[in-house]
Amino acid sequence: MTDSPLDALHPSNNLEPRLTAYAAWLGRTVSVWHGDIGDSGRRRMLAEPPDVLLTTPESLESMLVSTRVDHHELFRHVRTIVVDEVHAFAGDDRGWHLLAVLERLTKVAGRLIQRVGLSATVGNPDQMLTWLQGSGVGTRPGEVIAPRSAAVPARTAVGATEGVDVEVNFVGSIANAATVIAALHRGEKRLVFCDSKRRVEELGEALRALGVSTYLSHASLSKDERRRAEQAFADDRDCVIVATSTLELGIDVGDLDRVFQLDAPATVAAFM
């Protein structure tokens, strides 16, 4: 299960090739189901259900209410649900929608289904565990697994990683922001978050005018533009990627060097 608005970049497209390769080593299959998958692809998946299904809560709900999907046949063997970027769900109404869908899926499967939440930015994992258990709180075991190593410093209570420099600068305008970002850290891959699609477009245009290789990511981009952005994330080296928070979806951006935030988000949780 991935945190992906219906019109945003689908991390499932990015995860599918890797998971397909890993699953093949074990003789298992992987399929994707979301709004960009056509009828023929869906029919193939229903005819030969995969061992691993990559989808979104909205797409899962559409399967559960569709008259063209045999819910019991498709989901009766489900044993585990993995929720990627679980913190993004817990922070808003989509999280309650996700829990409702998981409860319905449990009824269809006729058994308790193991729930696994993945996140690298949770500051309150015990509370997150309780939330993800849903109606099973107090009746089923749960465990927080947080590996530590010398290479990954422990996180503080506010979610910041010790040893990482955070700087605040006043730029005053989109044009000045573009000038600063273009001048800093040339030759590196830079990711810039903005608080709206309009600002993403404006900053992207300003950076391109300065000769910077720039890619955009927000929920209103066409499918082809999203695919090109995904490829750029993985392959480009000296570039700037300007995005809204919809990018925080598990997309593989490759070897990222710098992250900028233009203006402050509304909440600390949004910044994390």
Protein backbone atom coordinates (compact mmCIF):
# COMPACT_ATOMS: atom_id res chain seq x y z
CA MET A 1 0.00 0.00 0.00
CA THR A 2 1.52 3.32 -1.00
CA ASP A 3 0.69 6.90 -0.06
CA SER A 4 -0.25 8.22 -3.49
CA PRO A 5 -3.07 10.61 -4.43
CA LEU A 6 -4.95 9.41 -7.49
CA ASP A 7 -3.39 11.98 -9.82
CA ALA A 8 0.08 12.09 -8.27
CA LEU A 9 3.25 10.25 -9.17
CA HIS A 10 2.63 6.60 -8.46
CA PRO A 11 5.45 5.10 -6.38
CA SER A 12 4.05 1.71 -7.33
CA ASN A 13 5.38 2.33 -10.87
CA ASN A 14 8.79 2.98 -9.35
CA LEU A 15 8.68 0.04 -6.94
CA GLU A 16 7.29 -2.49 -9.38
CA PRO A 17 10.50 -3.27 -11.34
CA ARG A 18 12.54 -3.81 -8.17
CA LEU A 19 9.89 -5.86 -6.37
CA THR A 20 9.26 -7.88 -9.52
CA ALA A 21 12.95 -8.79 -9.68
CA TYR A 22 13.11 -9.66 -5.98
CA ALA A 23 9.90 -11.71 -6.13
CA ALA A 24 11.12 -13.60 -9.21
CA TRP A 25 14.03 -14.94 -7.17
CA LEU A 26 11.41 -16.68 -5.00
CA GLY A 27 9.17 -17.70 -7.87
CA ARG A 28 6.57 -15.04 -6.97
CA THR A 29 4.71 -12.46 -9.07
CA VAL A 30 3.98 -8.73 -8.65
CA SER A 31 1.23 -6.58 -10.19
CA VAL A 32 0.11 -2.94 -9.94
CA TRP A 33 -3.45 -1.59 -9.72
CA HIS A 34 -4.19 2.14 -9.80
CA GLY A 35 -5.90 4.75 -11.95
CA ASP A 36 -3.33 4.59 -14.75
CA ILE A 37 -3.78 0.85 -15.33
CA GLY A 38 -6.05 0.13 -18.31
CA ASP A 39 -8.88 -2.40 -18.54
CA SER A 40 -6.76 -5.00 -20.33
CA GLY A 41 -4.11 -4.87 -17.59
CA ARG A 42 -6.77 -5.23 -14.91
CA ARG A 43 -8.37 -8.19 -16.67
CA ARG A 44 -4.99 -9.95 -16.86
CA MET A 45 -4.41 -9.39 -13.17
CA LEU A 46 -7.86 -10.67 -12.21
CA ALA A 47 -7.38 -13.75 -14.40
CA GLU A 48 -4.00 -14.49 -12.79
CA PRO A 49 -3.90 -12.85 -9.32
CA PRO A 50 -0.36 -11.89 -8.26
CA ASP A 51 1.42 -12.87 -5.07
CA VAL A 52 2.14 -9.18 -4.35
CA LEU A 53 -0.21 -6.32 -5.27
CA LEU A 54 0.94 -2.68 -5.30
CA THR A 55 -1.96 -0.25 -4.95
CA THR A 56 -3.43 2.78 -3.12
CA PRO A 57 -6.25 2.90 -0.55
CA GLU A 58 -8.54 4.52 -3.12
CA SER A 59 -7.85 1.84 -5.72
CA LEU A 60 -8.27 -0.90 -3.14
CA GLU A 61 -11.66 0.49 -2.18
CA SER A 62 -12.68 0.61 -5.84
CA MET A 63 -11.87 -3.09 -6.11
CA LEU A 64 -13.91 -3.86 -3.00
CA VAL A 65 -17.02 -2.14 -4.41
CA SER A 66 -16.63 -3.13 -8.07
CA THR A 67 -19.09 -5.64 -9.50
CA ARG A 68 -16.38 -6.77 -11.94
CA VAL A 69 -14.04 -7.95 -9.19
CA ASP A 70 -14.57 -11.21 -7.31
CA HIS A 71 -13.48 -9.86 -3.92
CA HIS A 72 -13.39 -13.17 -2.09
CA GLU A 73 -11.41 -14.92 -4.83
CA LEU A 74 -8.91 -12.07 -5.14
CA PHE A 75 -8.35 -11.37 -1.44
CA ARG A 76 -9.06 -14.64 0.37
CA HIS A 77 -5.36 -15.56 0.49
CA VAL A 78 -4.14 -12.17 1.75
CA ARG A 79 -1.84 -12.58 4.76
CA THR A 80 -0.02 -9.25 5.05
CA ILE A 81 -0.66 -5.56 4.28
CA VAL A 82 2.41 -3.29 4.04
CA VAL A 83 1.70 0.45 4.37
CA ASP A 84 4.59 2.48 2.98
CA GLU A 85 5.16 6.00 4.37
CA VAL A 86 2.65 5.24 7.11
CA HIS A 87 3.20 8.63 8.79
CA ALA A 88 1.68 10.39 5.77
CA PHE A 89 -1.58 8.50 6.28
CA ALA A 90 -1.82 9.00 10.03
CA GLY A 91 -1.71 12.76 9.70
CA ASP A 92 -4.99 13.33 7.84
CA ASP A 93 -8.40 11.97 6.82
CA ARG A 94 -6.85 9.55 4.31
CA GLY A 95 -5.52 7.64 7.30
CA TRP A 96 -9.00 6.97 8.67
CA HIS A 97 -10.11 5.99 5.20
CA LEU A 98 -7.18 3.56 5.02
CA LEU A 99 -8.11 1.98 8.36
CA ALA A 100 -11.72 1.57 7.21
CA VAL A 101 -10.57 -0.13 4.00
CA LEU A 102 -8.29 -2.46 5.96
CA GLU A 103 -11.17 -3.47 8.23
CA ARG A 104 -13.29 -4.28 5.16
CA LEU A 105 -10.45 -6.28 3.66
CA THR A 106 -10.15 -8.24 6.91
CA LYS A 107 -13.85 -9.15 6.67
CA VAL A 108 -13.42 -10.29 3.05
CA ALA A 109 -10.36 -12.40 3.89
CA GLY A 110 -12.08 -13.92 6.89
CA ARG A 111 -8.98 -13.70 9.10
CA LEU A 112 -6.75 -11.23 10.89
CA ILE A 113 -4.22 -9.78 8.42
CA GLN A 114 -0.76 -8.77 9.56
CA ARG A 115 -0.25 -5.00 9.19
CA VAL A 116 3.24 -3.60 8.62
CA GLY A 117 3.85 0.15 8.60
CA LEU A 118 7.07 1.55 7.08
CA SER A 119 8.49 5.01 7.78
CA ALA A 120 11.83 6.73 8.24
CA THR A 121 10.43 9.90 9.85
CA VAL A 122 8.16 8.79 12.71
CA GLY A 123 8.96 10.42 16.05
CA ASN A 124 6.19 8.61 17.96
CA PRO A 125 6.38 4.97 16.75
CA ASP A 126 4.46 3.52 19.71
CA GLN A 127 1.47 5.76 19.03
CA MET A 128 1.71 4.98 15.32
CA LEU A 129 1.67 1.25 16.09
CA THR A 130 -1.49 1.63 18.18
CA TRP A 131 -3.15 3.64 15.42
CA LEU A 132 -2.29 1.11 12.69
CA GLN A 133 -3.70 -1.79 14.71
CA GLY A 134 -7.19 -0.33 14.31
CA SER A 135 -9.89 -2.49 15.90
CA GLY A 136 -7.24 -5.03 16.88
CA VAL A 137 -5.74 -2.82 19.60
CA GLY A 138 -5.39 -4.82 22.80
CA THR A 139 -6.33 -8.12 21.17
CA ARG A 140 -3.38 -8.77 18.87
CA PRO A 141 0.40 -8.43 19.38
CA GLY A 142 2.34 -5.49 18.00
CA GLU A 143 5.99 -4.50 17.89
CA VAL A 144 8.05 -1.46 16.91
CA ILE A 145 11.19 -2.46 15.02
CA ALA A 146 13.70 0.39 14.81
CA PRO A 147 17.18 -0.81 13.84
CA ARG A 148 20.08 1.36 14.85
CA SER A 149 23.57 1.49 13.39
CA ALA A 150 26.61 3.70 13.68
CA ALA A 151 26.01 4.90 10.11
CA VAL A 152 22.47 6.11 10.89
CA PRO A 153 22.33 8.54 13.83
CA ALA A 154 19.38 8.24 16.20
CA ARG A 155 16.55 10.68 15.58
CA THR A 156 15.59 13.35 18.09
CA ALA A 157 12.07 13.83 19.43
CA VAL A 158 11.22 16.31 16.66
CA GLY A 159 12.40 13.96 13.90
CA ALA A 160 15.57 15.77 12.91
CA THR A 161 18.69 13.70 12.28
CA GLU A 162 21.68 14.64 14.42
CA GLY A 163 24.66 15.83 12.43
CA VAL A 164 22.63 17.18 9.51
CA ASP A 165 23.03 20.94 8.92
CA VAL A 166 19.80 22.94 8.64
CA GLU A 167 20.10 26.54 7.45
CA VAL A 168 17.45 29.26 7.19
CA ASN A 169 17.82 32.04 4.60
CA PHE A 170 15.60 34.96 3.60
CA VAL A 171 15.22 35.11 -0.19
CA GLY A 172 12.22 37.45 -0.46
CA SER A 173 10.86 36.28 -3.81
CA ILE A 174 10.64 33.37 -6.25
CA ALA A 175 13.20 35.04 -8.52
CA ASN A 176 15.69 35.43 -5.69
CA ALA A 177 15.08 31.87 -4.57
CA ALA A 178 15.89 30.66 -8.09
CA THR A 179 19.10 32.71 -8.12
CA VAL A 180 20.25 31.26 -4.80
CA ILE A 181 19.38 27.65 -5.69
CA ALA A 182 21.04 27.96 -9.11
CA ALA A 183 24.23 29.31 -7.57
CA LEU A 184 24.53 26.78 -4.72
CA HIS A 185 25.95 23.30 -5.01
CA ARG A 186 26.38 23.12 -8.79
CA GLY A 187 27.00 19.59 -10.01
CA GLU A 188 24.73 18.11 -7.33
CA LYS A 189 21.19 16.80 -7.31
CA ARG A 190 18.96 19.29 -5.48
CA LEU A 191 15.37 18.79 -4.38
CA VAL A 192 13.17 21.82 -3.66
CA PHE A 193 9.78 21.56 -1.93
CA CYS A 194 7.15 24.26 -2.46
CA ASP A 195 3.77 24.65 -0.76
CA SER A 196 1.67 24.86 -3.95
CA LYS A 197 1.60 23.76 -7.60
CA ARG A 198 1.69 27.41 -8.66
CA ARG A 199 4.95 28.02 -6.82
CA VAL A 200 6.42 24.83 -8.28
CA GLU A 201 5.67 26.10 -11.80
CA GLU A 202 6.99 29.61 -11.09
CA LEU A 203 10.23 28.42 -9.51
CA GLY A 204 10.75 25.83 -12.24
CA GLU A 205 10.36 28.49 -14.93
CA ALA A 206 12.79 30.81 -13.13
CA LEU A 207 15.41 28.08 -12.74
CA ARG A 208 15.18 27.07 -16.39
CA ALA A 209 15.62 30.72 -17.38
CA LEU A 210 18.93 30.59 -15.49
CA GLY A 211 20.04 27.56 -17.49
CA VAL A 212 19.46 25.00 -14.73
CA SER A 213 18.32 21.50 -15.68
CA THR A 214 14.96 21.46 -13.87
CA TYR A 215 12.17 18.91 -13.43
CA LEU A 216 8.77 19.39 -11.83
CA SER A 217 6.56 17.12 -9.75
CA HIS A 218 2.99 17.86 -8.65
CA ALA A 219 -0.42 16.24 -8.84
CA SER A 220 -1.60 18.07 -11.99
CA LEU A 221 1.16 16.91 -14.33
CA SER A 222 0.28 14.67 -17.26
CA LYS A 223 1.16 11.00 -17.18
CA ASP A 224 4.04 11.46 -19.67
CA GLU A 225 5.49 14.34 -17.67
CA ARG A 226 5.36 12.25 -14.51
CA ARG A 227 7.20 9.41 -16.22
CA ARG A 228 9.93 11.76 -17.47
CA ALA A 229 10.30 13.20 -13.98
CA GLU A 230 10.61 9.71 -12.48
CA GLN A 231 13.36 8.85 -14.96
CA ALA A 232 15.16 12.10 -14.21
CA PHE A 233 15.02 11.40 -10.49
CA ALA A 234 16.82 8.12 -11.02
CA ASP A 235 19.32 9.03 -13.76
CA ASP A 236 20.21 12.74 -13.79
CA ARG A 237 23.10 14.12 -11.79
CA ASP A 238 23.41 17.90 -12.03
CA CYS A 239 19.80 19.05 -11.75
CA VAL A 240 17.09 20.58 -9.60
CA ILE A 241 13.79 18.86 -8.87
CA VAL A 242 10.98 21.18 -7.76
CA ALA A 243 8.03 19.44 -6.11
CA THR A 244 5.05 19.67 -3.81
CA SER A 245 4.73 17.28 -0.88
CA THR A 246 3.17 14.68 -3.18
CA LEU A 247 6.76 13.63 -3.94
CA GLU A 248 7.00 12.20 -0.40
CA LEU A 249 5.70 8.87 -1.63
CA GLY A 250 8.60 6.49 -1.73
CA ILE A 251 9.85 7.60 -5.16
CA ASP A 252 13.45 6.52 -5.73
CA VAL A 253 15.28 9.83 -6.34
CA GLY A 254 18.69 8.22 -6.56
CA ASP A 255 21.68 9.86 -4.85
CA LEU A 256 20.10 13.05 -3.53
CA ASP A 257 22.55 15.69 -2.28
CA ARG A 258 20.54 18.70 -1.06
CA VAL A 259 16.99 19.46 0.04
CA PHE A 260 15.47 22.95 0.09
CA GLN A 261 12.12 24.05 1.52
CA LEU A 262 10.70 27.26 0.04
CA ASP A 263 8.63 28.94 2.77
CA ALA A 264 7.57 27.17 5.93
CA PRO A 265 4.92 24.42 5.81
CA ALA A 266 1.80 24.90 7.92
CA THR A 267 2.87 22.33 10.52
CA VAL A 268 6.02 20.71 11.89
CA ALA A 269 4.64 17.34 10.81
CA ALA A 270 4.36 18.56 7.21
CA PHE A 271 7.99 19.71 7.29
CA MET A 272 9.15 16.33 8.63
